[in-house]
């Protein structure tokens, strides 16, 4: 008995095309060749037996055959954010046709750290899968997935990829710019950075901590979100060229008056981790120039505090002190002698002047407080130096011997006084 393939119908590109293949074999497996369509095609193959007398089977067998040479397209439909603070990640993937499953690879630093075969989700119409990975450590990862359809075609494009960073460590912010502890800058700024973080940190001004940190008692706390209307601070982010670190500048508006100010900054990294401690910065705004309270010229041989009119050439000192208004803000002085800077010194102190020549000299003390304010009306001290040593002259000398007897001769008295007597 011959088994003859009578007809096949190909539904290709939505147009039915009649295809006839003739294979004559008395038995066995029949190989059908010539199924060629530009796209995935579904064939209906009719098998009908015929004997030597040319009688045909009135109930032929129909077989549906799908020819698929096109790989599936794979897309990721859900994945972790660029930075995450959880060690468990979930990635969901989908294909544009029914698939057997998906291959998944996870890399870190260009090295494969995990591979998996993902079966299709139940109830997902055979096109979706979910990959859950636990126990990831701090690192940057890259995931690649590709599907395999029911015909065995695989997505060779490897376009379904996603990258993310696992960061489980709270940030550590560093203050790289701030006002001096005593400052005369009425519009200061504070610069913060997280140099160890893989992403940018976020900074937020918070209300005053309770209890107040040490050194901030009585301070005025500056609060407010940089984006809020009327906020005392604006925010900008720049890249430090030397370290490639993102630096956040908190620029404050003009402060209203001299006072102690402080800020408390909450730090959150890109993964959502929050720093354990607030960053606290405190400073004193002082815009009032200092005043020199005293400027006394003192000769070394005289008691301290008695200013002589004439000093010796062996050396002279100047005693200096800040005014009462600077009691909480120490100042320093630049001492100028005859227009030439002599020495910078902290206060209170006694400034030793250099060797002075005979004549008239002018000593000026210019006060500068720790906030950077310079004295408006410095003190001048006039100093006269006299280097001539005094000479004592004997103007009269009596020739008598008070201890000699009065009756003796003058010659005897003179000789006797030379040995035994005190003459005046």
Protein backbone atom coordinates (compact mmCIF):
# COMPACT_ATOMS: atom_id res chain seq x y z
CA UNK A 1 0.00 0.00 0.00
CA UNK A 2 1.30 3.38 -0.89
CA UNK A 3 1.07 6.33 1.52
CA UNK A 4 0.85 9.46 -0.49
CA UNK A 5 0.80 13.05 0.71
CA UNK A 6 -1.91 14.62 -1.30
CA UNK A 7 -1.97 18.26 -0.19
CA UNK A 8 -0.83 20.79 2.35
CA UNK A 9 -2.13 24.22 3.08
CA UNK A 10 0.16 26.97 4.30
CA UNK A 11 -1.21 30.03 6.04
CA UNK A 12 1.67 32.38 5.38
CA UNK A 13 1.47 36.14 5.84
CA UNK A 14 -2.34 35.77 6.13
CA UNK A 15 -2.69 34.42 2.59
CA UNK A 16 -3.49 30.73 2.03
CA UNK A 17 -1.21 29.07 -0.51
CA UNK A 18 -1.70 25.56 -1.88
CA UNK A 19 1.41 23.41 -1.66
CA UNK A 20 1.54 19.86 -3.05
CA UNK A 21 4.20 17.38 -2.04
CA UNK A 22 4.23 13.85 -3.42
CA UNK A 23 6.09 11.13 -1.50
CA UNK A 24 5.52 7.49 -2.32
CA UNK A 25 6.60 4.98 0.28
CA UNK A 26 5.02 1.70 1.22
CA UNK A 27 5.57 2.36 4.95
CA UNK A 28 7.70 4.14 7.51
CA UNK A 29 8.46 7.73 8.32
CA UNK A 30 7.87 10.32 5.68
CA UNK A 31 10.08 13.39 5.62
CA UNK A 32 8.37 16.43 4.22
CA UNK A 33 10.63 19.06 2.71
CA UNK A 34 10.00 22.37 1.10
CA UNK A 35 8.10 24.10 3.90
CA UNK A 36 9.49 27.58 3.31
CA UNK A 37 7.68 30.74 4.29
CA UNK A 38 9.04 34.18 4.96
CA UNK A 39 7.39 34.27 8.38
CA UNK A 40 6.15 31.75 10.89
CA UNK A 41 3.73 29.56 9.06
CA UNK A 42 1.12 27.05 10.10
CA UNK A 43 0.67 24.13 7.73
CA UNK A 44 -2.21 21.67 7.53
CA UNK A 45 -0.91 18.40 6.15
CA UNK A 46 -3.40 15.82 4.79
CA UNK A 47 -2.23 12.22 4.67
CA UNK A 48 -4.25 9.79 2.56
CA UNK A 49 -3.48 6.13 1.89
CA UNK A 50 -3.94 4.58 -1.56
CA UNK A 51 -3.65 0.90 -2.46
CA UNK A 52 -2.42 -0.73 -5.65
CA UNK A 53 -5.91 -0.69 -7.11
CA UNK A 54 -5.94 3.07 -6.64
CA UNK A 55 -8.52 2.94 -3.89
CA UNK A 56 -8.16 5.93 -1.55
CA UNK A 57 -8.79 6.24 2.12
CA UNK A 58 -12.07 8.04 2.53
CA UNK A 59 -11.04 9.42 5.95
CA UNK A 60 -7.60 10.94 5.44
CA UNK A 61 -5.54 12.10 8.39
CA UNK A 62 -4.97 15.82 8.92
CA UNK A 63 -1.89 17.06 10.77
CA UNK A 64 -1.24 20.70 11.75
CA UNK A 65 2.41 21.69 11.52
CA UNK A 66 3.85 25.10 12.55
CA UNK A 67 7.13 26.17 11.04
CA UNK A 68 8.80 28.88 13.21
CA UNK A 69 12.23 30.30 12.38
CA UNK A 70 11.78 33.71 14.04
CA UNK A 71 13.27 34.19 17.58
CA UNK A 72 11.17 35.80 20.31
CA UNK A 73 11.61 39.40 21.40
CA UNK A 74 12.36 39.77 25.11
CA UNK A 75 11.67 42.83 27.28
CA UNK A 76 12.07 43.54 31.00
CA UNK A 77 8.80 44.78 32.49
CA UNK A 78 9.89 45.32 36.11
CA UNK A 79 13.28 45.78 37.77
CA UNK A 80 14.96 47.39 40.83
CA UNK A 81 15.70 51.14 40.82
CA UNK A 82 19.17 52.34 39.88
CA UNK A 83 20.07 52.37 43.60
CA UNK A 84 18.40 50.08 46.12
CA UNK A 85 18.95 49.46 49.82
CA UNK A 86 17.56 45.92 49.82
CA UNK A 87 19.54 42.73 49.28
CA UNK A 88 16.60 41.05 47.50
CA UNK A 89 15.81 42.05 43.93
CA UNK A 90 12.96 41.03 41.60
CA UNK A 91 13.15 41.20 37.81
CA UNK A 92 10.15 40.44 35.58
CA UNK A 93 10.49 39.60 31.89
CA UNK A 94 8.09 39.07 29.00
CA UNK A 95 8.29 37.72 25.43
CA UNK A 96 6.13 38.57 22.45
CA UNK A 97 5.10 34.91 21.99
CA UNK A 98 4.77 31.72 23.96
CA UNK A 99 8.16 30.54 25.20
CA UNK A 100 9.64 27.57 26.95
CA UNK A 101 11.39 29.90 29.39
CA UNK A 102 14.14 32.48 29.78
CA UNK A 103 17.88 32.37 30.39
CA UNK A 104 19.17 34.87 33.00
CA UNK A 105 22.70 36.01 33.81
CA UNK A 106 23.83 38.44 36.54
CA UNK A 107 27.23 40.13 36.28
CA UNK A 108 29.24 42.35 38.63
CA UNK A 109 32.48 44.03 37.53
CA UNK A 110 32.12 42.19 34.20
CA UNK A 111 32.21 38.81 35.95
CA UNK A 112 29.32 36.35 36.01
CA UNK A 113 28.09 35.95 39.59
CA UNK A 114 24.85 34.03 38.90
CA UNK A 115 23.05 32.15 36.10
CA UNK A 116 19.51 30.78 36.05
CA UNK A 117 16.83 29.22 33.85
CA UNK A 118 13.42 30.79 34.42
CA UNK A 119 10.31 28.79 33.73
CA UNK A 120 7.24 30.67 32.58
CA UNK A 121 4.82 32.08 35.18
CA UNK A 122 1.65 30.20 35.87
CA UNK A 123 -1.26 32.06 34.34
CA UNK A 124 0.98 34.29 32.28
CA UNK A 125 -0.13 32.91 28.92
CA UNK A 126 3.29 31.30 28.59
CA UNK A 127 5.03 34.60 27.87
CA UNK A 128 6.26 35.89 31.26
CA UNK A 129 8.69 34.91 34.01
CA UNK A 130 9.93 36.30 37.34
CA UNK A 131 13.50 36.18 38.72
CA UNK A 132 13.99 36.71 42.47
CA UNK A 133 17.51 36.89 43.88
CA UNK A 134 18.30 37.07 47.62
CA UNK A 135 21.40 37.93 49.65
CA UNK A 136 23.07 40.45 47.36
CA UNK A 137 25.95 42.43 48.87
CA UNK A 138 26.93 46.06 48.25
CA UNK A 139 27.97 46.21 44.60
CA UNK A 140 26.85 47.24 41.12
CA UNK A 141 25.10 44.56 39.08
CA UNK A 142 24.04 44.01 35.47
CA UNK A 143 21.30 41.54 34.45
CA UNK A 144 20.79 40.08 30.95
CA UNK A 145 17.77 37.93 29.98
CA UNK A 146 16.69 36.25 26.75
CA UNK A 147 13.80 33.97 25.88
CA UNK A 148 13.50 30.65 24.01
CA UNK A 149 10.26 30.00 22.13
CA UNK A 150 8.50 26.66 21.75
CA UNK A 151 10.26 26.04 18.45
CA UNK A 152 13.68 26.38 20.12
CA UNK A 153 14.57 29.81 18.72
CA UNK A 154 16.45 32.04 21.18
CA UNK A 155 16.57 35.81 21.35
CA UNK A 156 20.14 36.51 20.26
CA UNK A 157 19.82 40.29 20.54
CA UNK A 158 20.43 40.27 24.33
CA UNK A 159 18.60 43.59 24.46
CA UNK A 160 16.74 42.81 27.70
CA UNK A 161 19.26 44.24 30.16
CA UNK A 162 19.13 46.31 33.34
CA UNK A 163 21.76 47.69 35.73
CA UNK A 164 21.42 48.64 39.40
CA UNK A 165 23.49 49.18 42.55
CA UNK A 166 22.84 47.54 45.90
CA UNK A 167 23.81 49.91 48.73
CA UNK A 168 23.05 48.76 52.27
CA UNK A 169 25.43 51.15 54.07
CA UNK A 170 24.27 54.47 55.58
CA UNK A 171 26.01 57.50 54.08
CA UNK A 172 28.82 59.42 55.75
CA UNK A 173 28.71 63.10 54.83
CA UNK A 174 31.80 65.31 54.94
CA UNK A 175 31.73 69.08 55.46
CA UNK A 176 34.21 70.49 52.94
CA UNK A 177 33.25 74.15 53.23
CA UNK A 178 31.64 76.20 55.99
CA UNK A 179 31.76 79.61 57.72
CA UNK A 180 34.55 80.16 60.22
CA UNK A 181 33.57 79.67 63.85
CA UNK A 182 33.63 83.49 64.05
CA UNK A 183 32.69 84.96 60.69
CA UNK A 184 31.76 88.33 59.22
CA UNK A 185 30.19 86.77 56.11
CA UNK A 186 26.51 87.77 56.09
CA UNK A 187 25.66 85.34 53.24
CA UNK A 188 27.67 82.21 54.07
CA UNK A 189 27.50 78.77 52.48
CA UNK A 190 28.01 75.20 53.66
CA UNK A 191 29.40 72.59 51.25
CA UNK A 192 28.68 68.90 51.84
CA UNK A 193 29.63 65.72 50.01
CA UNK A 194 29.45 61.94 50.38
CA UNK A 195 32.79 60.87 48.85
CA UNK A 196 32.31 57.16 49.61
CA UNK A 197 28.84 56.94 48.08
CA UNK A 198 28.29 55.51 44.57
CA UNK A 199 25.50 58.04 43.97
CA UNK A 200 24.52 61.54 44.99
CA UNK A 201 23.37 62.21 48.55
CA UNK A 202 20.36 64.29 49.46
CA UNK A 203 20.55 66.96 52.17
CA UNK A 204 17.66 68.43 54.15
CA UNK A 205 17.63 71.11 56.85
CA UNK A 206 15.84 69.86 59.95
CA UNK A 207 14.50 71.64 63.04
CA UNK A 208 16.79 72.12 66.02
CA UNK A 209 17.75 68.78 67.61
CA UNK A 210 16.58 68.09 71.13
CA UNK A 211 18.75 68.17 73.17
CA UNK A 212 20.83 70.81 71.42
CA UNK A 213 24.34 69.65 70.47
CA UNK A 214 27.29 70.97 72.45
CA UNK A 215 28.35 74.47 71.50
CA UNK A 216 24.97 75.46 70.01
CA UNK A 217 23.18 76.71 73.13
CA UNK A 218 21.26 79.89 72.37
CA UNK A 219 21.93 79.66 68.63
CA UNK A 220 19.37 80.64 66.00
CA UNK A 221 18.62 77.52 63.94
CA UNK A 222 18.17 78.00 60.21
CA UNK A 223 15.58 75.62 58.76
CA UNK A 224 13.50 75.23 55.61
CA UNK A 225 13.56 73.17 52.44
CA UNK A 226 15.70 74.69 49.64
CA UNK A 227 12.78 74.45 47.20
CA UNK A 228 10.24 76.09 49.50
CA UNK A 229 9.17 79.70 49.06
CA UNK A 230 10.95 82.03 51.45
CA UNK A 231 13.55 79.43 52.40
CA UNK A 232 16.77 80.92 53.82
CA UNK A 233 18.87 78.53 51.76
CA UNK A 234 19.27 77.63 48.10
CA UNK A 235 20.86 74.43 46.85
CA UNK A 236 23.24 73.73 43.97
CA UNK A 237 25.28 70.68 42.98
CA UNK A 238 28.70 70.83 41.33
CA UNK A 239 31.38 68.29 40.45
CA UNK A 240 34.74 68.61 42.20
CA UNK A 241 37.19 68.37 39.30
CA UNK A 242 40.03 67.00 41.44
CA UNK A 243 38.05 64.13 43.00
CA UNK A 244 35.06 63.78 40.61
CA UNK A 245 32.86 63.95 43.72
CA UNK A 246 29.46 65.60 43.67
CA UNK A 247 29.45 68.55 46.07
CA UNK A 248 26.25 70.15 47.33
CA UNK A 249 26.37 73.86 48.20
CA UNK A 250 23.83 75.22 50.69
CA UNK A 251 23.88 78.97 50.03
CA UNK A 252 22.23 81.07 52.72
CA UNK A 253 20.46 84.33 52.10
CA UNK A 254 21.66 87.47 53.87
CA UNK A 255 21.46 86.83 57.60
CA UNK A 256 19.43 89.48 59.46
CA UNK A 257 21.77 90.39 62.35
CA UNK A 258 24.87 89.51 64.31
CA UNK A 259 24.05 86.35 66.24
CA UNK A 260 25.00 82.74 66.81
CA UNK A 261 23.61 80.54 64.01
CA UNK A 262 23.42 76.79 63.51
CA UNK A 263 22.04 74.25 61.04
CA UNK A 264 21.24 70.55 61.34
CA UNK A 265 21.36 68.59 58.08
CA UNK A 266 19.77 65.21 57.49
CA UNK A 267 21.70 63.11 54.96
CA UNK A 268 20.11 60.43 52.73
CA UNK A 269 21.94 58.55 49.99
CA UNK A 270 20.60 57.62 46.56
CA UNK A 271 19.51 54.17 47.78
CA UNK A 272 17.39 55.65 50.58
CA UNK A 273 19.75 54.96 53.48
CA UNK A 274 19.77 57.71 56.11
CA UNK A 275 22.87 58.78 58.03
CA UNK A 276 22.82 57.81 61.69
CA UNK A 277 23.74 61.33 62.88
CA UNK A 278 22.78 64.80 61.76
CA UNK A 279 25.48 67.09 60.39
CA UNK A 280 25.60 70.12 62.68
CA UNK A 281 27.39 73.35 61.73
CA UNK A 282 27.44 76.37 64.08
CA UNK A 283 29.08 79.77 63.81
CA UNK A 284 29.02 83.29 65.21
CA UNK A 285 28.22 86.16 62.86
CA UNK A 286 30.15 89.27 63.94
CA UNK A 287 30.27 92.30 61.65
CA UNK A 288 31.35 94.89 64.29
CA UNK A 289 34.99 96.03 63.99
CA UNK A 290 37.09 95.64 67.16
CA UNK A 291 38.47 98.49 69.27
CA UNK A 292 41.84 98.55 71.02
CA UNK A 293 41.24 99.10 74.72
CA UNK A 294 44.82 99.83 75.81
CA UNK A 295 48.16 100.53 74.20
CA UNK A 296 50.81 101.18 76.84
CA UNK A 297 54.49 101.63 76.07
CA UNK A 298 56.52 100.03 78.84
CA UNK A 299 60.29 100.23 79.39
CA UNK A 300 61.83 96.97 80.69
CA UNK A 301 63.25 98.55 83.86
CA UNK A 302 60.00 100.17 84.98
CA UNK A 303 56.97 98.57 86.67
CA UNK A 304 54.38 97.22 84.21
CA UNK A 305 51.68 99.75 83.44
CA UNK A 306 53.73 102.94 83.91
CA UNK A 307 54.22 104.40 80.45
CA UNK A 308 57.48 106.39 80.30
CA UNK A 309 57.95 109.33 78.00
CA UNK A 310 61.51 108.26 77.28
CA UNK A 311 62.54 104.68 76.61
CA UNK A 312 66.00 103.18 76.42
CA UNK A 313 67.50 101.61 73.30
CA UNK A 314 67.72 98.23 75.03
CA UNK A 315 64.15 97.42 74.01
CA UNK A 316 60.56 98.51 74.39
CA UNK A 317 57.30 96.59 74.74
CA UNK A 318 53.66 97.39 73.94
CA UNK A 319 50.77 96.01 75.97
CA UNK A 320 47.58 95.44 73.93
CA UNK A 321 44.06 94.25 74.70
CA UNK A 322 40.69 94.13 72.92
CA UNK A 323 37.77 96.25 73.96
CA UNK A 324 34.92 95.01 76.13
CA UNK A 325 32.76 94.31 73.05
CA UNK A 326 35.18 91.58 71.96
CA UNK A 327 35.14 89.66 75.23
CA UNK A 328 33.63 86.60 73.54
CA UNK A 329 35.52 87.02 70.28
CA UNK A 330 39.30 87.28 70.77
CA UNK A 331 41.25 89.49 68.44
CA UNK A 332 44.83 89.84 67.25
CA UNK A 333 46.94 92.88 66.44
CA UNK A 334 49.26 94.01 63.73
CA UNK A 335 51.83 96.31 65.32
CA UNK A 336 53.30 98.90 62.99
CA UNK A 337 56.38 100.96 63.90
CA UNK A 338 57.01 104.07 61.82
CA UNK A 339 54.83 102.61 59.04
CA UNK A 340 56.58 99.22 58.86
CA UNK A 341 54.83 96.06 60.10
CA UNK A 342 56.72 94.68 63.06
CA UNK A 343 54.81 91.66 64.33
CA UNK A 344 51.40 89.96 64.36
CA UNK A 345 50.40 88.73 67.79
CA UNK A 346 47.42 87.23 69.59
CA UNK A 347 45.93 89.04 72.51
CA UNK A 348 46.33 89.52 75.41
CA UNK A 349 50.04 89.84 74.90
CA UNK A 350 53.04 92.08 75.34
CA UNK A 351 54.65 92.88 72.01
CA UNK A 352 58.41 93.24 72.06
CA UNK A 353 59.44 95.91 69.59
CA UNK A 354 62.67 95.68 67.62
CA UNK A 355 65.75 97.74 68.43
CA UNK A 356 64.82 101.38 68.11
CA UNK A 357 67.17 104.16 67.18
CA UNK A 358 67.33 107.42 69.06
CA UNK A 359 64.59 109.83 68.21
CA UNK A 360 60.83 109.99 67.84
CA UNK A 361 58.81 106.94 66.80
CA UNK A 362 55.12 106.20 66.17
CA UNK A 363 53.74 102.81 67.20
CA UNK A 364 50.32 101.83 65.76
CA UNK A 365 48.30 98.79 66.87
CA UNK A 366 45.59 97.59 64.42
CA UNK A 367 43.14 95.12 65.95
CA UNK A 368 41.58 92.27 63.90
CA UNK A 369 39.03 90.01 65.57
CA UNK A 370 38.54 86.33 64.85
CA UNK A 371 35.57 87.10 62.62
CA UNK A 372 37.88 89.03 60.27
CA UNK A 373 36.73 92.54 61.17
CA UNK A 374 39.51 95.16 61.16
CA UNK A 375 39.68 98.10 63.57
CA UNK A 376 38.43 101.29 61.92
CA UNK A 377 40.37 103.80 64.07
CA UNK A 378 43.62 102.17 65.24
CA UNK A 379 45.57 103.56 68.21
CA UNK A 380 48.82 105.48 67.69
CA UNK A 381 51.38 105.77 70.50
CA UNK A 382 54.20 108.34 70.38
CA UNK A 383 57.52 107.08 71.64
CA UNK A 384 60.74 109.06 72.22
CA UNK A 385 63.98 107.08 72.45
CA UNK A 386 67.02 108.66 74.20
CA UNK A 387 70.18 106.54 74.04
CA UNK A 388 72.55 108.93 75.86
CA UNK A 389 73.68 107.67 79.30
CA UNK A 390 73.66 110.27 82.16
CA UNK A 391 77.00 111.38 83.83
CA UNK A 392 77.26 112.39 87.51
CA UNK A 393 79.73 115.26 88.21
CA UNK A 394 81.30 116.07 91.67
CA UNK A 395 80.99 119.83 92.13
CA UNK A 396 82.56 120.25 95.71
CA UNK A 397 84.84 118.27 98.08
CA UNK A 398 85.66 119.35 101.65
CA UNK A 399 89.22 118.73 102.88
CA UNK A 400 88.49 117.82 106.49
CA UNK A 401 88.83 114.70 108.52
CA UNK A 402 85.86 114.34 110.81
CA UNK A 403 87.37 111.53 112.86
CA UNK A 404 90.81 113.16 113.59
CA UNK A 405 91.66 115.12 116.77
CA UNK A 406 91.24 118.85 116.31
CA UNK A 407 94.65 119.73 117.89
CA UNK A 408 96.76 117.89 115.40
CA UNK A 409 98.40 119.57 112.48
CA UNK A 410 96.82 119.61 109.08
CA UNK A 411 99.65 117.55 107.60
CA UNK A 412 99.32 114.90 110.32
CA UNK A 413 95.58 114.83 109.90
CA UNK A 414 95.92 114.33 106.19
CA UNK A 415 98.31 111.43 106.62
CA UNK A 416 96.22 109.92 109.40
CA UNK A 417 92.98 110.29 107.46
CA UNK A 418 94.48 108.48 104.54
CA UNK A 419 94.76 105.43 106.73
CA UNK A 420 92.18 105.59 109.51
CA UNK A 421 89.72 108.41 108.88
CA UNK A 422 86.70 108.90 106.59
CA UNK A 423 86.98 112.13 104.66
CA UNK A 424 84.08 113.98 103.06
